Amino acid sequence: MPNLQLQTSLRQLYEEDLVRWAEATVACLKSRDTQQLDWERLIEEIEDLGKSAKRELESRLSVLLVHLLKRCYVNLPDNYRGWQLIILEQRNAFKLLLKQSPSLKTYLQDVLDEVYQDALAEASTAYPTSEFPALYPFSQELQALLAEEFWH
């Protein structure tokens, strides 16, 4: 018979301290004590892991594209180095994210145009006198996006 007190306390713990809830959930999983698990919240948290990785990919892609647009289409040489450093930082983080979750490569292709439009809006607002391409101007190849210096 399941320990209702532990299930209740796990549910309550989720509301009070997410880290302690996660630790208690891991302890239940390690001991194969599936009766004590807070199944609803465990399922929610696992679903959120995938959503979180997708949000991170979109966010990093947006920052990358904004800075590629600035570097390629805004004539402010004093800013080039800073923009290039941010491009490098985002590319490195992007590579790590894709290494951890290779399935995001497909998702990247699905959201590329939408994220580009958001990046375009941001760059256009920041630099209204600069002209940016309305359609995605960079290579669609992942390796190029993560390595090519499009400004040369």
C-alpha atoms as a PDB file:
ATOM      1  CA  MET A   1       0.000   0.000   0.000  1.00  0.00           C
ATOM      2  CA  PRO A   2       1.503   3.391  -0.979  1.00  0.00           C
ATOM      3  CA  ASN A   3       2.676   5.714   1.712  1.00  0.00           C
ATOM      4  CA  LEU A   4       0.116   8.508   1.276  1.00  0.00           C
ATOM      5  CA  GLN A   5       1.987  10.714   3.731  1.00  0.00           C
ATOM      6  CA  LEU A   6       5.146  10.630   1.564  1.00  0.00           C
ATOM      7  CA  GLN A   7       3.131  11.292  -1.621  1.00  0.00           C
ATOM      8  CA  THR A   8       1.402  14.228   0.048  1.00  0.00           C
ATOM      9  CA  SER A   9       4.690  15.534   1.370  1.00  0.00           C
ATOM     10  CA  LEU A  10       6.289  15.204  -2.085  1.00  0.00           C
ATOM     11  CA  ARG A  11       3.418  17.200  -3.591  1.00  0.00           C
ATOM     12  CA  GLN A  12       3.739  19.811  -0.861  1.00  0.00           C
ATOM     13  CA  LEU A  13       7.522  19.838  -1.202  1.00  0.00           C
ATOM     14  CA  TYR A  14       7.161  20.668  -4.895  1.00  0.00           C
ATOM     15  CA  GLU A  15       5.332  23.865  -3.950  1.00  0.00           C
ATOM     16  CA  GLU A  16       7.789  24.769  -1.195  1.00  0.00           C
ATOM     17  CA  ASP A  17      11.231  23.775  -2.494  1.00  0.00           C
ATOM     18  CA  LEU A  18      11.742  22.507  -6.036  1.00  0.00           C
ATOM     19  CA  VAL A  19      15.342  21.399  -5.414  1.00  0.00           C
ATOM     20  CA  ARG A  20      14.389  19.307  -2.391  1.00  0.00           C
ATOM     21  CA  TRP A  21      11.457  17.868  -4.379  1.00  0.00           C
ATOM     22  CA  ALA A  22      13.862  16.901  -7.176  1.00  0.00           C
ATOM     23  CA  GLU A  23      16.266  15.283  -4.695  1.00  0.00           C
ATOM     24  CA  ALA A  24      13.449  13.310  -3.060  1.00  0.00           C
ATOM     25  CA  THR A  25      12.148  12.271  -6.489  1.00  0.00           C
ATOM     26  CA  VAL A  26      15.615  11.082  -7.524  1.00  0.00           C
ATOM     27  CA  ALA A  27      15.861   9.113  -4.273  1.00  0.00           C
ATOM     28  CA  CYS A  28      12.528   7.425  -5.059  1.00  0.00           C
ATOM     29  CA  LEU A  29      13.662   6.627  -8.593  1.00  0.00           C
ATOM     30  CA  LYS A  30      17.016   5.228  -7.443  1.00  0.00           C
ATOM     31  CA  SER A  31      15.302   2.971  -4.930  1.00  0.00           C
ATOM     32  CA  ARG A  32      12.730   1.995  -7.583  1.00  0.00           C
ATOM     33  CA  ASP A  33      10.012   3.267  -5.255  1.00  0.00           C
ATOM     34  CA  THR A  34       7.554   4.207  -7.987  1.00  0.00           C
ATOM     35  CA  GLN A  35       4.558   4.185  -5.643  1.00  0.00           C
ATOM     36  CA  GLN A  36       5.840   7.216  -3.763  1.00  0.00           C
ATOM     37  CA  LEU A  37       6.515   9.344  -6.835  1.00  0.00           C
ATOM     38  CA  ASP A  38       4.643  12.548  -7.540  1.00  0.00           C
ATOM     39  CA  TRP A  39       3.865  11.368 -11.063  1.00  0.00           C
ATOM     40  CA  GLU A  40       1.960  14.459 -12.258  1.00  0.00           C
ATOM     41  CA  ARG A  41       4.729  16.872 -11.413  1.00  0.00           C
ATOM     42  CA  LEU A  42       7.463  14.485 -12.529  1.00  0.00           C
ATOM     43  CA  ILE A  43       5.840  14.275 -15.973  1.00  0.00           C
ATOM     44  CA  GLU A  44       5.450  18.076 -16.084  1.00  0.00           C
ATOM     45  CA  GLU A  45       9.103  18.607 -15.184  1.00  0.00           C
ATOM     46  CA  ILE A  46      10.348  16.168 -17.821  1.00  0.00           C
ATOM     47  CA  GLU A  47       8.140  17.837 -20.446  1.00  0.00           C
ATOM     48  CA  ASP A  48       9.529  21.191 -19.356  1.00  0.00           C
ATOM     49  CA  LEU A  49      13.097  19.953 -19.903  1.00  0.00           C
ATOM     50  CA  GLY A  50      12.437  19.624 -23.629  1.00  0.00           C
ATOM     51  CA  LYS A  51      10.645  22.956 -23.769  1.00  0.00           C
ATOM     52  CA  SER A  52      13.484  24.612 -21.894  1.00  0.00           C
ATOM     53  CA  ALA A  53      16.081  23.290 -24.344  1.00  0.00           C
ATOM     54  CA  LYS A  54      13.993  24.585 -27.251  1.00  0.00           C
ATOM     55  CA  ARG A  55      13.640  28.005 -25.606  1.00  0.00           C
ATOM     56  CA  GLU A  56      17.398  28.120 -25.042  1.00  0.00           C
ATOM     57  CA  LEU A  57      18.035  27.232 -28.679  1.00  0.00           C
ATOM     58  CA  GLU A  58      15.654  29.964 -29.870  1.00  0.00           C
ATOM     59  CA  SER A  59      17.181  32.517 -27.513  1.00  0.00           C
ATOM     60  CA  ARG A  60      20.766  31.740 -28.518  1.00  0.00           C
ATOM     61  CA  LEU A  61      19.825  31.667 -32.190  1.00  0.00           C
ATOM     62  CA  SER A  62      18.165  35.058 -31.857  1.00  0.00           C
ATOM     63  CA  VAL A  63      21.193  36.625 -30.161  1.00  0.00           C
ATOM     64  CA  LEU A  64      23.465  35.052 -32.778  1.00  0.00           C
ATOM     65  CA  LEU A  65      21.384  36.345 -35.683  1.00  0.00           C
ATOM     66  CA  VAL A  66      21.026  39.846 -34.225  1.00  0.00           C
ATOM     67  CA  HIS A  67      24.791  40.112 -33.890  1.00  0.00           C
ATOM     68  CA  LEU A  68      25.441  38.616 -37.323  1.00  0.00           C
ATOM     69  CA  LEU A  69      23.076  41.211 -38.768  1.00  0.00           C
ATOM     70  CA  LYS A  70      24.805  44.011 -36.890  1.00  0.00           C
ATOM     71  CA  ARG A  71      28.266  42.803 -37.878  1.00  0.00           C
ATOM     72  CA  CYS A  72      27.335  42.368 -41.543  1.00  0.00           C
ATOM     73  CA  TYR A  73      25.037  45.350 -42.103  1.00  0.00           C
ATOM     74  CA  VAL A  74      25.852  48.072 -39.562  1.00  0.00           C
ATOM     75  CA  ASN A  75      28.855  50.197 -40.450  1.00  0.00           C
ATOM     76  CA  LEU A  76      30.306  50.822 -36.992  1.00  0.00           C
ATOM     77  CA  PRO A  77      33.851  49.387 -37.053  1.00  0.00           C
ATOM     78  CA  ASP A  78      34.452  50.291 -33.402  1.00  0.00           C
ATOM     79  CA  ASN A  79      31.724  47.757 -32.479  1.00  0.00           C
ATOM     80  CA  TYR A  80      32.853  44.888 -34.728  1.00  0.00           C
ATOM     81  CA  ARG A  81      35.097  43.216 -32.149  1.00  0.00           C
ATOM     82  CA  GLY A  82      32.404  43.186 -29.470  1.00  0.00           C
ATOM     83  CA  TRP A  83      29.813  41.832 -31.884  1.00  0.00           C
ATOM     84  CA  GLN A  84      32.230  39.147 -33.077  1.00  0.00           C
ATOM     85  CA  LEU A  85      32.905  38.086 -29.472  1.00  0.00           C
ATOM     86  CA  ILE A  86      29.180  37.714 -28.844  1.00  0.00           C
ATOM     87  CA  ILE A  87      28.853  35.722 -32.086  1.00  0.00           C
ATOM     88  CA  LEU A  88      31.655  33.420 -30.920  1.00  0.00           C
ATOM     89  CA  GLU A  89      30.122  33.049 -27.450  1.00  0.00           C
ATOM     90  CA  GLN A  90      26.701  32.172 -28.862  1.00  0.00           C
ATOM     91  CA  ARG A  91      28.170  29.741 -31.379  1.00  0.00           C
ATOM     92  CA  ASN A  92      30.097  27.932 -28.646  1.00  0.00           C
ATOM     93  CA  ALA A  93      27.012  27.685 -26.444  1.00  0.00           C
ATOM     94  CA  PHE A  94      24.982  26.574 -29.462  1.00  0.00           C
ATOM     95  CA  LYS A  95      27.465  23.777 -30.225  1.00  0.00           C
ATOM     96  CA  LEU A  96      27.303  22.557 -26.641  1.00  0.00           C
ATOM     97  CA  LEU A  97      23.508  22.611 -26.655  1.00  0.00           C
ATOM     98  CA  LEU A  98      23.388  20.650 -29.923  1.00  0.00           C
ATOM     99  CA  LYS A  99      25.943  18.167 -28.595  1.00  0.00           C
ATOM    100  CA  GLN A 100      23.758  17.551 -25.545  1.00  0.00           C
ATOM    101  CA  SER A 101      20.541  17.409 -27.596  1.00  0.00           C
ATOM    102  CA  PRO A 102      21.265  16.529 -31.246  1.00  0.00           C
ATOM    103  CA  SER A 103      17.539  16.325 -32.035  1.00  0.00           C
ATOM    104  CA  LEU A 104      17.412  20.120 -31.728  1.00  0.00           C
ATOM    105  CA  LYS A 105      19.089  20.331 -35.157  1.00  0.00           C
ATOM    106  CA  THR A 106      15.745  19.513 -36.739  1.00  0.00           C
ATOM    107  CA  TYR A 107      13.960  21.986 -34.492  1.00  0.00           C
ATOM    108  CA  LEU A 108      16.459  24.663 -35.536  1.00  0.00           C
ATOM    109  CA  GLN A 109      15.369  24.341 -39.159  1.00  0.00           C
ATOM    110  CA  ASP A 110      11.726  24.567 -38.109  1.00  0.00           C
ATOM    111  CA  VAL A 111      12.157  27.876 -36.253  1.00  0.00           C
ATOM    112  CA  LEU A 112      14.935  29.547 -38.244  1.00  0.00           C
ATOM    113  CA  ASP A 113      12.742  31.859 -40.325  1.00  0.00           C
ATOM    114  CA  GLU A 114      10.563  32.874 -37.389  1.00  0.00           C
ATOM    115  CA  VAL A 115      13.554  33.578 -35.154  1.00  0.00           C
ATOM    116  CA  TYR A 116      15.194  35.497 -37.999  1.00  0.00           C
ATOM    117  CA  GLN A 117      12.151  37.773 -38.263  1.00  0.00           C
ATOM    118  CA  ASP A 118      12.372  38.526 -34.534  1.00  0.00           C
ATOM    119  CA  ALA A 119      16.121  39.159 -34.804  1.00  0.00           C
ATOM    120  CA  LEU A 120      15.519  41.389 -37.807  1.00  0.00           C
ATOM    121  CA  ALA A 121      12.961  43.425 -35.859  1.00  0.00           C
ATOM    122  CA  GLU A 122      15.408  43.852 -32.994  1.00  0.00           C
ATOM    123  CA  ALA A 123      18.325  44.876 -35.217  1.00  0.00           C
ATOM    124  CA  SER A 124      16.121  47.225 -37.241  1.00  0.00           C
ATOM    125  CA  THR A 125      14.843  48.905 -34.106  1.00  0.00           C
ATOM    126  CA  ALA A 126      18.349  49.305 -32.692  1.00  0.00           C
ATOM    127  CA  TYR A 127      19.770  50.613 -35.995  1.00  0.00           C
ATOM    128  CA  PRO A 128      16.909  52.213 -37.940  1.00  0.00           C
ATOM    129  CA  THR A 129      19.200  53.836 -40.500  1.00  0.00           C
ATOM    130  CA  SER A 130      20.814  50.534 -41.477  1.00  0.00           C
ATOM    131  CA  GLU A 131      19.318  48.357 -44.199  1.00  0.00           C
ATOM    132  CA  PHE A 132      18.840  44.699 -43.340  1.00  0.00           C
ATOM    133  CA  PRO A 133      17.611  41.929 -45.653  1.00  0.00           C
ATOM    134  CA  ALA A 134      13.936  41.054 -45.187  1.00  0.00           C
ATOM    135  CA  LEU A 135      14.659  37.371 -45.841  1.00  0.00           C
ATOM    136  CA  TYR A 136      17.205  35.220 -44.050  1.00  0.00           C
ATOM    137  CA  PRO A 137      20.546  36.039 -45.772  1.00  0.00           C
ATOM    138  CA  PHE A 138      22.927  33.512 -44.231  1.00  0.00           C
ATOM    139  CA  SER A 139      23.663  29.909 -45.101  1.00  0.00           C
ATOM    140  CA  GLN A 140      20.998  27.407 -44.030  1.00  0.00           C
ATOM    141  CA  GLU A 141      23.776  24.888 -43.366  1.00  0.00           C
ATOM    142  CA  LEU A 142      24.327  24.415 -39.653  1.00  0.00           C
ATOM    143  CA  GLN A 143      28.114  24.185 -39.962  1.00  0.00           C
ATOM    144  CA  ALA A 144      28.243  27.495 -41.818  1.00  0.00           C
ATOM    145  CA  LEU A 145      25.950  29.186 -39.305  1.00  0.00           C
ATOM    146  CA  LEU A 146      28.236  28.003 -36.513  1.00  0.00           C
ATOM    147  CA  ALA A 147      31.556  28.845 -38.141  1.00  0.00           C
ATOM    148  CA  GLU A 148      31.448  31.084 -41.202  1.00  0.00           C
ATOM    149  CA  GLU A 149      32.446  34.730 -41.017  1.00  0.00           C
ATOM    150  CA  PHE A 150      29.679  36.065 -43.234  1.00  0.00           C
ATOM    151  CA  TRP A 151      31.144  39.586 -43.110  1.00  0.00           C
ATOM    152  CA  HIS A 152      34.227  38.753 -45.204  1.00  0.00           C
END
